[in-house]
Amino acid sequence: MIDTMVAMTTERFEELVAAAIDSLPESLGRAMENVSVSVDPFAPAGRLFGLYEGVPLTRRGISYSAVLPDRITIFMRSICASCRSDEEVTAAVRKTVVHEIAHHFGIDDARLAELGWA
């Protein structure tokens, strides 16, 4: 982690997350089921940029029903603390959003690393 942190409002950061989601192919957006994406602006900066919690689409069976939505949380302070510019924040947000959505589709960390999204 670097000594300075990019200053950004929560609203602007949320716009970057929304833009990253909107940049995905439309077919992926339509395929996402029962998942919510949120920004955590308060968690202390750490190594974790994002977190997927839920049951990936590839593991849902006929008994999957009446469950709370999967959650994807993007950690604002961690990302802003690791970047030196707004452009780096934008790139880190996009990479993190893609990474966490990939988990929703059942893609694991090893495969994401192979693809350059880890």
C-alpha atoms as a PDB file:
ATOM      1  CA  MET A   1       0.000   0.000   0.000  1.00  0.00           C
ATOM      2  CA  ILE A   2       1.193   3.523  -0.715  1.00  0.00           C
ATOM      3  CA  ASP A   3       1.394   6.494   1.652  1.00  0.00           C
ATOM      4  CA  THR A   4      -1.252   8.678   0.002  1.00  0.00           C
ATOM      5  CA  MET A   5      -4.872   7.920  -0.692  1.00  0.00           C
ATOM      6  CA  VAL A   6      -6.873   9.190  -3.629  1.00  0.00           C
ATOM      7  CA  ALA A   7      -9.616  11.462  -2.278  1.00  0.00           C
ATOM      8  CA  MET A   8     -13.000  10.728  -3.816  1.00  0.00           C
ATOM      9  CA  THR A   9     -16.604  11.154  -2.722  1.00  0.00           C
ATOM     10  CA  THR A  10     -18.696   8.078  -2.119  1.00  0.00           C
ATOM     11  CA  GLU A  11     -21.080   9.285  -4.819  1.00  0.00           C
ATOM     12  CA  ARG A  12     -18.296   9.462  -7.403  1.00  0.00           C
ATOM     13  CA  PHE A  13     -16.995   6.038  -6.400  1.00  0.00           C
ATOM     14  CA  GLU A  14     -20.512   4.583  -6.709  1.00  0.00           C
ATOM     15  CA  GLU A  15     -20.711   6.115 -10.197  1.00  0.00           C
ATOM     16  CA  LEU A  16     -17.496   4.294 -11.120  1.00  0.00           C
ATOM     17  CA  VAL A  17     -18.952   1.006  -9.865  1.00  0.00           C
ATOM     18  CA  ALA A  18     -22.163   1.595 -11.831  1.00  0.00           C
ATOM     19  CA  ALA A  19     -20.165   2.466 -14.951  1.00  0.00           C
ATOM     20  CA  ALA A  20     -18.128  -0.734 -14.575  1.00  0.00           C
ATOM     21  CA  ILE A  21     -21.328  -2.782 -14.350  1.00  0.00           C
ATOM     22  CA  ASP A  22     -22.849  -0.933 -17.305  1.00  0.00           C
ATOM     23  CA  SER A  23     -19.729  -1.629 -19.388  1.00  0.00           C
ATOM     24  CA  LEU A  24     -20.282  -5.379 -19.211  1.00  0.00           C
ATOM     25  CA  PRO A  25     -21.829  -7.113 -22.201  1.00  0.00           C
ATOM     26  CA  GLU A  26     -25.615  -6.845 -22.054  1.00  0.00           C
ATOM     27  CA  SER A  27     -25.968 -10.639 -22.155  1.00  0.00           C
ATOM     28  CA  LEU A  28     -23.989 -10.946 -18.896  1.00  0.00           C
ATOM     29  CA  GLY A  29     -26.176  -8.381 -17.189  1.00  0.00           C
ATOM     30  CA  ARG A  30     -29.283 -10.288 -18.229  1.00  0.00           C
ATOM     31  CA  ALA A  31     -27.771 -13.549 -16.968  1.00  0.00           C
ATOM     32  CA  MET A  32     -27.074 -12.216 -13.472  1.00  0.00           C
ATOM     33  CA  GLU A  33     -29.683 -13.493 -11.026  1.00  0.00           C
ATOM     34  CA  ASN A  34     -30.503 -12.557  -7.456  1.00  0.00           C
ATOM     35  CA  VAL A  35     -27.381 -10.495  -6.760  1.00  0.00           C
ATOM     36  CA  SER A  36     -26.874  -7.025  -5.321  1.00  0.00           C
ATOM     37  CA  VAL A  37     -23.785  -4.849  -5.689  1.00  0.00           C
ATOM     38  CA  SER A  38     -22.906  -2.248  -3.075  1.00  0.00           C
ATOM     39  CA  VAL A  39     -20.053   0.024  -2.029  1.00  0.00           C
ATOM     40  CA  ASP A  40     -18.631  -0.033   1.478  1.00  0.00           C
ATOM     41  CA  PRO A  41     -17.069   3.402   2.010  1.00  0.00           C
ATOM     42  CA  PHE A  42     -16.303   2.857   5.705  1.00  0.00           C
ATOM     43  CA  ALA A  43     -14.359  -0.407   6.038  1.00  0.00           C
ATOM     44  CA  PRO A  44     -10.731   0.329   6.875  1.00  0.00           C
ATOM     45  CA  ALA A  45      -8.312   0.096   3.985  1.00  0.00           C
ATOM     46  CA  GLY A  46      -6.863  -3.358   3.554  1.00  0.00           C
ATOM     47  CA  ARG A  47      -5.845  -5.841   0.919  1.00  0.00           C
ATOM     48  CA  LEU A  48      -9.405  -6.829  -0.008  1.00  0.00           C
ATOM     49  CA  PHE A  49     -10.893  -4.723  -2.832  1.00  0.00           C
ATOM     50  CA  GLY A  50     -14.122  -6.677  -3.223  1.00  0.00           C
ATOM     51  CA  LEU A  51     -16.058  -9.603  -1.797  1.00  0.00           C
ATOM     52  CA  TYR A  52     -18.590 -11.978  -3.315  1.00  0.00           C
ATOM     53  CA  GLU A  53     -20.920 -13.742  -0.887  1.00  0.00           C
ATOM     54  CA  GLY A  54     -23.496 -16.158  -2.169  1.00  0.00           C
ATOM     55  CA  VAL A  55     -24.190 -19.209  -4.270  1.00  0.00           C
ATOM     56  CA  PRO A  56     -22.653 -19.022  -7.746  1.00  0.00           C
ATOM     57  CA  LEU A  57     -25.019 -19.605 -10.655  1.00  0.00           C
ATOM     58  CA  THR A  58     -23.153 -22.815 -11.498  1.00  0.00           C
ATOM     59  CA  ARG A  59     -23.979 -24.291  -8.064  1.00  0.00           C
ATOM     60  CA  ARG A  60     -27.666 -23.420  -7.933  1.00  0.00           C
ATOM     61  CA  GLY A  61     -29.967 -26.364  -8.276  1.00  0.00           C
ATOM     62  CA  ILE A  62     -33.679 -26.972  -8.205  1.00  0.00           C
ATOM     63  CA  SER A  63     -33.754 -26.399  -4.443  1.00  0.00           C
ATOM     64  CA  TYR A  64     -32.401 -22.846  -4.848  1.00  0.00           C
ATOM     65  CA  SER A  65     -35.355 -20.615  -3.975  1.00  0.00           C
ATOM     66  CA  ALA A  66     -36.523 -18.079  -1.418  1.00  0.00           C
ATOM     67  CA  VAL A  67     -32.982 -17.029  -0.554  1.00  0.00           C
ATOM     68  CA  LEU A  68     -31.512 -13.606   0.057  1.00  0.00           C
ATOM     69  CA  PRO A  69     -29.654 -12.106  -2.901  1.00  0.00           C
ATOM     70  CA  ASP A  70     -25.973 -12.817  -3.350  1.00  0.00           C
ATOM     71  CA  ARG A  71     -23.889  -9.827  -2.301  1.00  0.00           C
ATOM     72  CA  ILE A  72     -20.978  -8.168  -4.015  1.00  0.00           C
ATOM     73  CA  THR A  73     -19.298  -5.514  -1.897  1.00  0.00           C
ATOM     74  CA  ILE A  74     -16.709  -3.142  -3.328  1.00  0.00           C
ATOM     75  CA  PHE A  75     -14.388  -1.629  -0.686  1.00  0.00           C
ATOM     76  CA  MET A  76     -13.816   2.033  -1.441  1.00  0.00           C
ATOM     77  CA  ARG A  77     -11.038   2.784   1.055  1.00  0.00           C
ATOM     78  CA  SER A  78      -8.967  -0.224   0.026  1.00  0.00           C
ATOM     79  CA  ILE A  79      -9.100   0.743  -3.621  1.00  0.00           C
ATOM     80  CA  CYS A  80      -8.513   4.470  -3.060  1.00  0.00           C
ATOM     81  CA  ALA A  81      -5.617   3.754  -0.688  1.00  0.00           C
ATOM     82  CA  SER A  82      -3.877   1.572  -3.278  1.00  0.00           C
ATOM     83  CA  CYS A  83      -4.111   4.067  -6.146  1.00  0.00           C
ATOM     84  CA  ARG A  84      -2.235   7.246  -7.039  1.00  0.00           C
ATOM     85  CA  SER A  85      -4.772   8.825  -9.407  1.00  0.00           C
ATOM     86  CA  ASP A  86      -8.435   8.883 -10.358  1.00  0.00           C
ATOM     87  CA  GLU A  87      -7.543   6.897 -13.474  1.00  0.00           C
ATOM     88  CA  GLU A  88      -5.981   4.143 -11.351  1.00  0.00           C
ATOM     89  CA  VAL A  89      -9.095   4.090  -9.139  1.00  0.00           C
ATOM     90  CA  THR A  90     -11.304   3.744 -12.226  1.00  0.00           C
ATOM     91  CA  ALA A  91      -9.208   0.837 -13.518  1.00  0.00           C
ATOM     92  CA  ALA A  92      -9.120  -0.881 -10.106  1.00  0.00           C
ATOM     93  CA  VAL A  93     -12.889  -0.523  -9.694  1.00  0.00           C
ATOM     94  CA  ARG A  94     -13.524  -2.068 -13.117  1.00  0.00           C
ATOM     95  CA  LYS A  95     -11.148  -4.953 -12.473  1.00  0.00           C
ATOM     96  CA  THR A  96     -12.686  -5.584  -9.044  1.00  0.00           C
ATOM     97  CA  VAL A  97     -16.269  -5.467 -10.325  1.00  0.00           C
ATOM     98  CA  VAL A  98     -15.441  -7.892 -13.159  1.00  0.00           C
ATOM     99  CA  HIS A  99     -13.604 -10.174 -10.698  1.00  0.00           C
ATOM    100  CA  GLU A 100     -16.504 -10.335  -8.231  1.00  0.00           C
ATOM    101  CA  ILE A 101     -19.162 -10.762 -10.921  1.00  0.00           C
ATOM    102  CA  ALA A 102     -17.069 -13.616 -12.326  1.00  0.00           C
ATOM    103  CA  HIS A 103     -17.412 -15.341  -8.938  1.00  0.00           C
ATOM    104  CA  HIS A 104     -21.211 -14.959  -9.291  1.00  0.00           C
ATOM    105  CA  PHE A 105     -20.871 -16.914 -12.553  1.00  0.00           C
ATOM    106  CA  GLY A 106     -18.804 -19.615 -10.821  1.00  0.00           C
ATOM    107  CA  ILE A 107     -15.322 -18.625 -11.987  1.00  0.00           C
ATOM    108  CA  ASP A 108     -12.738 -19.251  -9.263  1.00  0.00           C
ATOM    109  CA  ASP A 109      -9.647 -17.249  -8.315  1.00  0.00           C
ATOM    110  CA  ALA A 110      -7.256 -19.615 -10.104  1.00  0.00           C
ATOM    111  CA  ARG A 111      -9.062 -19.183 -13.416  1.00  0.00           C
ATOM    112  CA  LEU A 112      -9.340 -15.412 -12.887  1.00  0.00           C
ATOM    113  CA  ALA A 113      -5.567 -15.288 -12.332  1.00  0.00           C
ATOM    114  CA  GLU A 114      -5.037 -17.171 -15.602  1.00  0.00           C
ATOM    115  CA  LEU A 115      -7.234 -14.594 -17.353  1.00  0.00           C
ATOM    116  CA  GLY A 116      -5.485 -11.625 -15.732  1.00  0.00           C
ATOM    117  CA  TRP A 117      -8.428 -10.589 -13.563  1.00  0.00           C
ATOM    118  CA  ALA A 118      -7.026 -11.558 -10.153  1.00  0.00           C
END
